[in-house]
Amino acid sequence: MSSNKVTSPSPVTETDKVSSSSAKKAKYSWEMIPQEPPKIDDLPPQYKGRTIVVREVRKEWSSVGKVMNMNKRDKHEDKSDSGVGKIRDTFYALVRPKEEGDEFDSPDFAKCTPEGYAEKVLEPLSKNEKEEAIRQIKASKDGIKVDDTNKHLVWRKIAAYERLVLDDHTNDSTGGRVICMFDDAEWKAKRASMAMNNIITAGGDLQFWNSYVKEFTDAKLPPPTCTEILGQRRYFSTEEEANKVYAARQFVTLLRKLVPATSTFRYLNKNVALPNGAEKEVLEEMKNWGMQLGISKYLGREFRATLPYPFGKEREGKDVISSMVVTKERGALYVVSNPHINYFGKTLIGKKLHLATGDQNDTVTKYSLMEHHLPWELIPLSSCPVDDLETNEAHLHIANSFADLLHLHQQFVSDPPYTSPAGSTPYDAYPICLNKFTNAKFLDDTSFTKINQFMLKCYGVEIYIGPTY
């Protein structure tokens, strides 16, 4: 997997893609502006030197948001007349005549291989074999028909690149499905781990890169091109590993937007996965950039009440959430809380939130259906104008992730409080961040100040993001 950056005639832009001009530079120019390290001597003992805490045990509900999901692909059975096996057999047959082997009277050869017979392993095509097969396809006017189908293999220019495609219209100039042509594509494990790079690079945000390019073409400027940053590519054997590293890179890139630096960049990825359970990966990525996440200040609970609240009008007394909403004018922010989890959300109506009988794709509803979950309570936080609702919610997502990464105590407890295990109080818990994603477009150079105001008022700590000290 690669993590890339963009330089161009406009301010630097980042979306896992980079301008070719940056490849000519020895080093990407972004650097944090030096700042004083936090005065940790004034911190309580438990917060001195506190940085990201790696939780060794993570429950299912604390997973990162899935940017890619290979389960559907692994379980998918291609029932069409253009199955992968038929495509492969046709392609291989161009340079390897089909061998007539011994046949065994068995309804299930894979499970009933006669003793002493070694099941044949199909070796991938060599480079020369693949080039010869492609030469034959290029030379064929109507392409090469895939046996037992109405499809043909044709060589065609797709999006400025020449590709092997599968199509039933051999005289078409644009259509068709692009065929994977990795040298070792026959080996599923290697094919999957290598293909992850292509899947992740797009990350679902390719439309934003295209929109960015369009800004240049509309202004009659040379469009930016992209290249990979050397040394950033990674290969993975599982989707969980890939999702963790990708979430960490997205998150740290977002943090880089929040801190003072020598240059600016536009972050084109909008839907950013939060690194729940990816503490090691976040530490690794922050180390790559010389960054550190920590605590720079502590304030006791008795001093927090008078601090300003940054995200609208703070809840007064025991206001219920429905009373804090004004149709088309004001919405409400809230937290779903118990010793296990914190989930920050927004509402325009103030009722029927996260019902067990509701949307089964709802994050809180999913948690409520998991084994060993605890009952949760929805605690209103504030109301704000509808136009500010999504922006404020995105800031709360980042605050929630900070609290998770830094292993901070639970601070959102109802009155009366929910029941805690014997010998403990609700404030003894270290809840995880249940939010999976946030939207980067709602965060700017003023965001970190607002997030820190919230962290100081609600958690009693000020967050440090800066050079490693």
Foldseek 3Di string as FASTA:
>chain_A
DFFFWDDDPDFTAGASWYFPVCVPDPDDAKAFDDDDDFPLVQPDPVFRVFFFDADPDDDPLLAFDQLDDCPCVVPDDDPDQDDPVLVVVQLQCLQDPDDDDDDDPDPDCVVCPDPPDDDDDDFFDDPVSNVSSLVVQAPDQQADDRPPHLKHWHWAQEPNRIFTFIDNDSPDHYDGHGDDDDRRCVDPQVVVQVVVVVSVSCSVLVVLLVVQQVVQVVVVHHGGHTDGDPPRDDTDRDSSVVSLLQLLSQVVVLVSQQGHIPGHYHYSDFKHWQNRSNLVNNVVVCVVNQKTKGFRFFDDLVPQPPFDAQQAAWDDDQDQLQVQADAQWKKWWKWKDFLAEIEIDIDRHRDPPLDCPDDCPDLSNVLVPDPPRDDIDIGTTHMDTPVCRQLSRLLVLVLQSSLQRSQAFDQDADVVGDDDPPPDDNRVGRYHYSDRIHTSVSDHNCSLVNSQSNCCNRRRTGMDMHGDD
